[in-house]
C-alpha atoms as a PDB file:
ATOM      1  CA  MET A   1     150.145  53.761 114.025  1.00  0.00           C
ATOM      2  CA  THR A   2     150.009  57.032 112.000  1.00  0.00           C
ATOM      3  CA  SER A   3     149.272  56.994 108.406  1.00  0.00           C
ATOM      4  CA  ALA A   4     151.636  58.494 105.675  1.00  0.00           C
ATOM      5  CA  THR A   5     149.556  61.695 105.512  1.00  0.00           C
ATOM      6  CA  THR A   6     148.882  62.297 109.350  1.00  0.00           C
ATOM      7  CA  SER A   7     150.840  65.002 111.231  1.00  0.00           C
ATOM      8  CA  VAL A   8     152.681  63.770 114.315  1.00  0.00           C
ATOM      9  CA  TYR A   9     152.571  67.175 116.064  1.00  0.00           C
ATOM     10  CA  PRO A  10     150.273  68.759 118.527  1.00  0.00           C
ATOM     11  CA  PRO A  11     147.578  70.812 117.295  1.00  0.00           C
ATOM     12  CA  GLY A  12     148.589  74.186 116.107  1.00  0.00           C
ATOM     13  CA  THR A  13     152.299  73.344 115.785  1.00  0.00           C
ATOM     14  CA  THR A  14     154.365  72.130 112.922  1.00  0.00           C
ATOM     15  CA  TYR A  15     157.611  70.331 112.024  1.00  0.00           C
ATOM     16  CA  PHE A  16     159.328  73.648 112.413  1.00  0.00           C
ATOM     17  CA  ASP A  17     158.363  73.907 116.075  1.00  0.00           C
ATOM     18  CA  THR A  18     160.364  70.874 116.813  1.00  0.00           C
ATOM     19  CA  LEU A  19     163.661  72.299 115.448  1.00  0.00           C
ATOM     20  CA  LYS A  20     166.340  72.909 118.158  1.00  0.00           C
ATOM     21  CA  ARG A  21     167.397  75.990 116.035  1.00  0.00           C
ATOM     22  CA  SER A  22     165.846  77.430 112.778  1.00  0.00           C
ATOM     23  CA  PHE A  23     168.021  79.222 110.044  1.00  0.00           C
ATOM     24  CA  VAL A  24     165.710  82.239 111.032  1.00  0.00           C
ATOM     25  CA  LYS A  25     167.387  82.405 114.237  1.00  0.00           C
ATOM     26  CA  VAL A  26     171.054  82.166 113.148  1.00  0.00           C
ATOM     27  CA  PRO A  27     172.938  85.468 113.528  1.00  0.00           C
ATOM     28  CA  VAL A  28     174.303  87.030 110.415  1.00  0.00           C
ATOM     29  CA  HIS A  29     176.525  89.944 110.996  1.00  0.00           C
ATOM     30  CA  ALA A  30     175.933  92.430 108.107  1.00  0.00           C
ATOM     31  CA  ASP A  31     178.504  94.918 109.597  1.00  0.00           C
ATOM     32  CA  LYS A  32     181.235  92.189 109.459  1.00  0.00           C
ATOM     33  CA  ASP A  33     181.045  91.055 106.020  1.00  0.00           C
ATOM     34  CA  ASN A  34     178.054  88.868 106.704  1.00  0.00           C
ATOM     35  CA  ALA A  35     180.106  86.780 109.340  1.00  0.00           C
ATOM     36  CA  ILE A  36     177.719  83.789 110.322  1.00  0.00           C
ATOM     37  CA  SER A  37     177.733  82.635 113.898  1.00  0.00           C
ATOM     38  CA  THR A  38     179.416  79.089 114.044  1.00  0.00           C
ATOM     39  CA  SER A  39     177.505  77.642 117.055  1.00  0.00           C
ATOM     40  CA  GLU A  40     173.888  78.729 115.943  1.00  0.00           C
ATOM     41  CA  PHE A  41     174.610  77.677 112.270  1.00  0.00           C
ATOM     42  CA  LEU A  42     175.765  74.249 113.269  1.00  0.00           C
ATOM     43  CA  GLU A  43     172.630  73.778 115.357  1.00  0.00           C
ATOM     44  CA  ALA A  44     170.384  74.830 112.571  1.00  0.00           C
ATOM     45  CA  ALA A  45     172.208  72.385 110.023  1.00  0.00           C
ATOM     46  CA  GLU A  46     171.907  69.581 112.605  1.00  0.00           C
ATOM     47  CA  SER A  47     168.283  70.426 112.940  1.00  0.00           C
ATOM     48  CA  LEU A  48     167.696  70.461 109.067  1.00  0.00           C
ATOM     49  CA  THR A  49     168.978  66.820 109.084  1.00  0.00           C
ATOM     50  CA  THR A  50     165.742  65.638 110.876  1.00  0.00           C
ATOM     51  CA  LEU A  51     163.929  66.631 107.622  1.00  0.00           C
ATOM     52  CA  PHE A  52     165.496  63.454 106.092  1.00  0.00           C
ATOM     53  CA  ASP A  53     163.676  61.636 108.800  1.00  0.00           C
ATOM     54  CA  VAL A  54     160.322  63.126 107.707  1.00  0.00           C
ATOM     55  CA  LEU A  55     161.032  62.040 104.073  1.00  0.00           C
ATOM     56  CA  GLY A  56     160.624  58.716 105.723  1.00  0.00           C
ATOM     57  CA  SER A  57     163.104  56.342 103.981  1.00  0.00           C
ATOM     58  CA  VAL A  58     166.208  54.602 105.195  1.00  0.00           C
ATOM     59  CA  ALA A  59     167.624  55.603 101.743  1.00  0.00           C
ATOM     60  CA  PHE A  60     168.148  59.175 103.129  1.00  0.00           C
ATOM     61  CA  THR A  61     170.354  57.767 105.994  1.00  0.00           C
ATOM     62  CA  PRO A  62     173.747  58.071 104.135  1.00  0.00           C
ATOM     63  CA  VAL A  63     172.586  61.666 103.065  1.00  0.00           C
ATOM     64  CA  LYS A  64     171.861  62.444 106.807  1.00  0.00           C
ATOM     65  CA  SER A  65     175.033  60.802 108.050  1.00  0.00           C
ATOM     66  CA  ASP A  66     177.144  62.775 105.496  1.00  0.00           C
ATOM     67  CA  MET A  67     175.884  66.190 106.666  1.00  0.00           C
ATOM     68  CA  LEU A  68     176.302  65.301 110.238  1.00  0.00           C
ATOM     69  CA  GLY A  69     179.819  64.155 109.826  1.00  0.00           C
ATOM     70  CA  ASN A  70     180.623  67.593 108.188  1.00  0.00           C
ATOM     71  CA  VAL A  71     178.963  69.360 111.154  1.00  0.00           C
ATOM     72  CA  LYS A  72     181.255  67.299 113.396  1.00  0.00           C
ATOM     73  CA  LYS A  73     184.380  68.368 111.579  1.00  0.00           C
ATOM     74  CA  ILE A  74     183.543  71.985 111.975  1.00  0.00           C
ATOM     75  CA  ARG A  75     182.585  71.714 115.560  1.00  0.00           C
ATOM     76  CA  ASP A  76     185.802  69.779 116.445  1.00  0.00           C
ATOM     77  CA  ARG A  77     187.690  72.724 115.080  1.00  0.00           C
ATOM     78  CA  GLN A  78     185.582  75.187 116.966  1.00  0.00           C
ATOM     79  CA  LEU A  79     186.062  73.428 120.251  1.00  0.00           C
ATOM     80  CA  ALA A  80     189.872  73.055 119.605  1.00  0.00           C
ATOM     81  CA  ALA A  81     190.159  76.866 118.974  1.00  0.00           C
ATOM     82  CA  PRO A  82     187.095  78.561 120.330  1.00  0.00           C
ATOM     83  CA  THR A  83     188.522  82.057 120.267  1.00  0.00           C
ATOM     84  CA  ASP A  84     189.292  81.776 116.433  1.00  0.00           C
ATOM     85  CA  SER A  85     186.084  80.354 115.535  1.00  0.00           C
ATOM     86  CA  ASP A  86     183.055  82.490 116.613  1.00  0.00           C
ATOM     87  CA  THR A  87     182.027  82.782 113.081  1.00  0.00           C
ATOM     88  CA  LEU A  88     182.305  80.294 110.260  1.00  0.00           C
ATOM     89  CA  GLN A  89     184.412  82.704 108.044  1.00  0.00           C
ATOM     90  CA  SER A  90     186.926  83.380 110.923  1.00  0.00           C
ATOM     91  CA  LEU A  91     186.988  79.496 111.629  1.00  0.00           C
ATOM     92  CA  VAL A  92     188.206  78.855 108.028  1.00  0.00           C
ATOM     93  CA  VAL A  93     190.642  81.691 107.840  1.00  0.00           C
ATOM     94  CA  ASN A  94     192.300  80.685 111.062  1.00  0.00           C
ATOM     95  CA  GLU A  95     192.215  76.994 110.497  1.00  0.00           C
ATOM     96  CA  LEU A  96     193.952  77.371 107.134  1.00  0.00           C
ATOM     97  CA  LYS A  97     196.730  79.416 108.790  1.00  0.00           C
ATOM     98  CA  THR A  98     197.537  76.187 110.646  1.00  0.00           C
ATOM     99  CA  LYS A  99     198.043  74.463 107.277  1.00  0.00           C
ATOM    100  CA  LYS A 100     195.167  72.204 108.021  1.00  0.00           C
ATOM    101  CA  HIS A 101     191.851  72.199 106.293  1.00  0.00           C
ATOM    102  CA  THR A 102     189.793  69.446 107.718  1.00  0.00           C
ATOM    103  CA  ALA A 103     186.837  71.762 108.853  1.00  0.00           C
ATOM    104  CA  THR A 104     187.050  74.065 105.948  1.00  0.00           C
ATOM    105  CA  GLU A 105     186.601  71.075 103.707  1.00  0.00           C
ATOM    106  CA  GLY A 106     183.789  69.887 106.074  1.00  0.00           C
ATOM    107  CA  LEU A 107     182.197  73.278 105.621  1.00  0.00           C
ATOM    108  CA  LEU A 108     182.514  73.150 101.699  1.00  0.00           C
ATOM    109  CA  TRP A 109     180.573  69.860 101.830  1.00  0.00           C
ATOM    110  CA  LEU A 110     178.036  70.854 104.293  1.00  0.00           C
ATOM    111  CA  VAL A 111     177.271  73.784 102.212  1.00  0.00           C
ATOM    112  CA  ARG A 112     176.976  71.830  99.149  1.00  0.00           C
ATOM    113  CA  GLY A 113     174.435  69.556 100.943  1.00  0.00           C
ATOM    114  CA  LEU A 114     172.492  72.457 102.369  1.00  0.00           C
ATOM    115  CA  ASP A 115     172.376  73.956  98.744  1.00  0.00           C
ATOM    116  CA  PHE A 116     170.984  70.617  97.532  1.00  0.00           C
ATOM    117  CA  THR A 117     168.270  70.527 100.036  1.00  0.00           C
ATOM    118  CA  SER A 118     167.410  74.193  99.623  1.00  0.00           C
ATOM    119  CA  LEU A 119     167.273  74.057  95.880  1.00  0.00           C
ATOM    120  CA  SER A 120     165.048  70.847  96.071  1.00  0.00           C
ATOM    121  CA  LEU A 121     162.448  72.515  98.273  1.00  0.00           C
ATOM    122  CA  ARG A 122     162.570  75.716  96.392  1.00  0.00           C
ATOM    123  CA  GLN A 123     162.079  73.978  93.076  1.00  0.00           C
ATOM    124  CA  ASN A 124     159.199  72.042  94.582  1.00  0.00           C
ATOM    125  CA  LEU A 125     157.432  74.945  96.015  1.00  0.00           C
ATOM    126  CA  SER A 126     157.887  77.012  92.724  1.00  0.00           C
ATOM    127  CA  SER A 127     156.567  74.440  90.576  1.00  0.00           C
ATOM    128  CA  PRO A 128     153.415  75.350  88.852  1.00  0.00           C
ATOM    129  CA  ALA A 129     152.580  71.883  88.038  1.00  0.00           C
ATOM    130  CA  ALA A 130     152.874  70.346  91.417  1.00  0.00           C
ATOM    131  CA  GLU A 131     155.938  68.597  90.639  1.00  0.00           C
ATOM    132  CA  GLU A 132     156.673  65.478  92.576  1.00  0.00           C
ATOM    133  CA  LEU A 133     159.560  65.769  95.180  1.00  0.00           C
ATOM    134  CA  SER A 134     161.595  63.006  93.315  1.00  0.00           C
ATOM    135  CA  THR A 135     161.814  65.184  90.197  1.00  0.00           C
ATOM    136  CA  SER A 136     162.922  68.349  92.292  1.00  0.00           C
ATOM    137  CA  PHE A 137     165.331  66.545  94.325  1.00  0.00           C
ATOM    138  CA  ARG A 138     167.216  64.867  91.056  1.00  0.00           C
ATOM    139  CA  THR A 139     167.085  68.188  89.433  1.00  0.00           C
ATOM    140  CA  ALA A 140     168.822  69.714  92.436  1.00  0.00           C
ATOM    141  CA  TYR A 141     171.146  66.919  92.907  1.00  0.00           C
ATOM    142  CA  ALA A 142     172.413  67.363  89.362  1.00  0.00           C
ATOM    143  CA  SER A 143     173.396  70.987  89.820  1.00  0.00           C
ATOM    144  CA  THR A 144     174.787  70.816  93.373  1.00  0.00           C
ATOM    145  CA  LEU A 145     176.419  67.432  94.786  1.00  0.00           C
ATOM    146  CA  LYS A 146     176.561  65.213  91.700  1.00  0.00           C
ATOM    147  CA  PRO A 147     179.240  66.903  89.901  1.00  0.00           C
ATOM    148  CA  HIS A 148     181.557  66.501  93.190  1.00  0.00           C
ATOM    149  CA  HIS A 149     180.420  62.892  93.727  1.00  0.00           C
ATOM    150  CA  SER A 150     182.424  59.720  92.770  1.00  0.00           C
ATOM    151  CA  PHE A 151     180.853  56.699  90.897  1.00  0.00           C
ATOM    152  CA  MET A 152     180.576  54.883  94.215  1.00  0.00           C
ATOM    153  CA  VAL A 153     178.583  57.707  95.903  1.00  0.00           C
ATOM    154  CA  LYS A 154     176.193  58.557  93.122  1.00  0.00           C
ATOM    155  CA  PRO A 155     174.244  55.570  93.143  1.00  0.00           C
ATOM    156  CA  ILE A 156     173.444  55.958  96.940  1.00  0.00           C
ATOM    157  CA  PHE A 157     172.099  59.437  96.456  1.00  0.00           C
ATOM    158  CA  SER A 158     170.334  58.259  93.470  1.00  0.00           C
ATOM    159  CA  ALA A 159     168.501  55.730  95.517  1.00  0.00           C
ATOM    160  CA  ALA A 160     167.514  58.422  97.994  1.00  0.00           C
ATOM    161  CA  MET A 161     166.021  60.709  95.329  1.00  0.00           C
ATOM    162  CA  SER A 162     163.752  57.573  94.156  1.00  0.00           C
ATOM    163  CA  ALA A 163     162.722  57.074  97.799  1.00  0.00           C
ATOM    164  CA  THR A 164     161.114  60.477  98.310  1.00  0.00           C
ATOM    165  CA  PRO A 165     157.428  60.335  99.411  1.00  0.00           C
ATOM    166  CA  TYR A 166     154.587  61.858  97.263  1.00  0.00           C
ATOM    167  CA  ARG A 167     154.276  65.618  97.257  1.00  0.00           C
ATOM    168  CA  LYS A 168     151.003  65.557  99.080  1.00  0.00           C
ATOM    169  CA  ASP A 169     152.168  63.207 101.755  1.00  0.00           C
ATOM    170  CA  PHE A 170     155.326  65.192 102.646  1.00  0.00           C
ATOM    171  CA  TYR A 171     153.700  68.500 103.123  1.00  0.00           C
ATOM    172  CA  ALA A 172     151.053  66.688 105.233  1.00  0.00           C
ATOM    173  CA  LYS A 173     153.799  65.272 107.519  1.00  0.00           C
ATOM    174  CA  LEU A 174     154.968  68.833 108.227  1.00  0.00           C
ATOM    175  CA  GLY A 175     151.830  69.944 109.957  1.00  0.00           C
ATOM    176  CA  ALA A 176     148.035  69.577 109.945  1.00  0.00           C
ATOM    177  CA  ASP A 177     147.634  73.487 109.243  1.00  0.00           C
ATOM    178  CA  GLN A 178     149.027  73.732 105.743  1.00  0.00           C
ATOM    179  CA  ASP A 179     148.863  77.439 105.697  1.00  0.00           C
ATOM    180  CA  LYS A 180     150.977  77.682 108.822  1.00  0.00           C
ATOM    181  CA  VAL A 181     153.352  74.943 107.342  1.00  0.00           C
ATOM    182  CA  MET A 182     153.862  76.907 104.052  1.00  0.00           C
ATOM    183  CA  LYS A 183     154.455  80.291 105.920  1.00  0.00           C
ATOM    184  CA  GLU A 184     157.021  78.782 108.218  1.00  0.00           C
ATOM    185  CA  LEU A 185     158.719  76.492 105.316  1.00  0.00           C
ATOM    186  CA  LYS A 186     159.184  79.777 103.277  1.00  0.00           C
ATOM    187  CA  GLU A 187     160.566  81.766 106.119  1.00  0.00           C
ATOM    188  CA  TRP A 188     162.967  78.913 107.209  1.00  0.00           C
ATOM    189  CA  LEU A 189     163.976  78.283 103.503  1.00  0.00           C
ATOM    190  CA  GLY A 190     164.514  81.922 102.780  1.00  0.00           C
ATOM    191  CA  ALA A 191     166.969  82.205 105.721  1.00  0.00           C
ATOM    192  CA  LEU A 192     168.732  79.040 104.625  1.00  0.00           C
ATOM    193  CA  GLU A 193     169.003  80.207 101.111  1.00  0.00           C
ATOM    194  CA  VAL A 194     170.643  83.602 102.023  1.00  0.00           C
ATOM    195  CA  GLN A 195     173.357  81.840 104.473  1.00  0.00           C
ATOM    196  CA  VAL A 196     174.074  79.331 101.671  1.00  0.00           C
ATOM    197  CA  GLY A 197     174.518  82.152  99.121  1.00  0.00           C
ATOM    198  CA  ILE A 198     176.845  83.968 101.736  1.00  0.00           C
ATOM    199  CA  LEU A 199     178.956  80.856 102.397  1.00  0.00           C
ATOM    200  CA  LYS A 200     179.164  79.873  98.659  1.00  0.00           C
ATOM    201  CA  GLU A 201     180.646  83.438  97.866  1.00  0.00           C
ATOM    202  CA  PHE A 202     183.109  83.176 100.866  1.00  0.00           C
ATOM    203  CA  LEU A 203     184.209  79.624 100.072  1.00  0.00           C
ATOM    204  CA  ALA A 204     184.942  80.766  96.303  1.00  0.00           C
ATOM    205  CA  ARG A 205     187.398  83.451  97.789  1.00  0.00           C
ATOM    206  CA  LYS A 206     191.211  83.075  97.623  1.00  0.00           C
ATOM    207  CA  GLU A 207     191.245  83.230 101.491  1.00  0.00           C
ATOM    208  CA  ALA A 208     189.147  80.190 101.753  1.00  0.00           C
ATOM    209  CA  LYS A 209     191.288  78.102  99.481  1.00  0.00           C
ATOM    210  CA  TRP A 210     193.988  75.352 100.501  1.00  0.00           C
END
């Protein structure tokens, strides 16, 4: 049985080596108004949800399920109209032309969830006073998901915030070599933040509204 602070990855590897796809490996086409490749982005988003397993509490199960449900909505549209869905932006524009918005709404919620996750981690990494994860996650939740959640959903997410592990235990779970963990975390997080920023700007446009 591993302790809360023991890395479960082989020597020299980290949590980030286990990801099916990292956001670092998601193509962003700068020559096409920062169009983001659909398949690779969805793989990276699915991979991110395993971070909630690392957080180690069943309280995060609804958070993970919510994200995966939104990934499925987007992928279902991609499978139904593959030639119109090679990038997330084209998927949205072409879906809205059919007077439907299931996948578009799914992307909106997925981006909110990813924004919440990236802000939580960025705040924790940037905290000069070694802020605990619960504080970072609560602060990020208040500015991302909470304004959009109903009174029934808020307590579920609040429970997850309270169930975060101690800061030192969480980072230890990501890998034994903490220098490598921090390097890879910052690269992964930086790529995630760029893509979330691109999608938030796109989803605010008139062409992405229904």
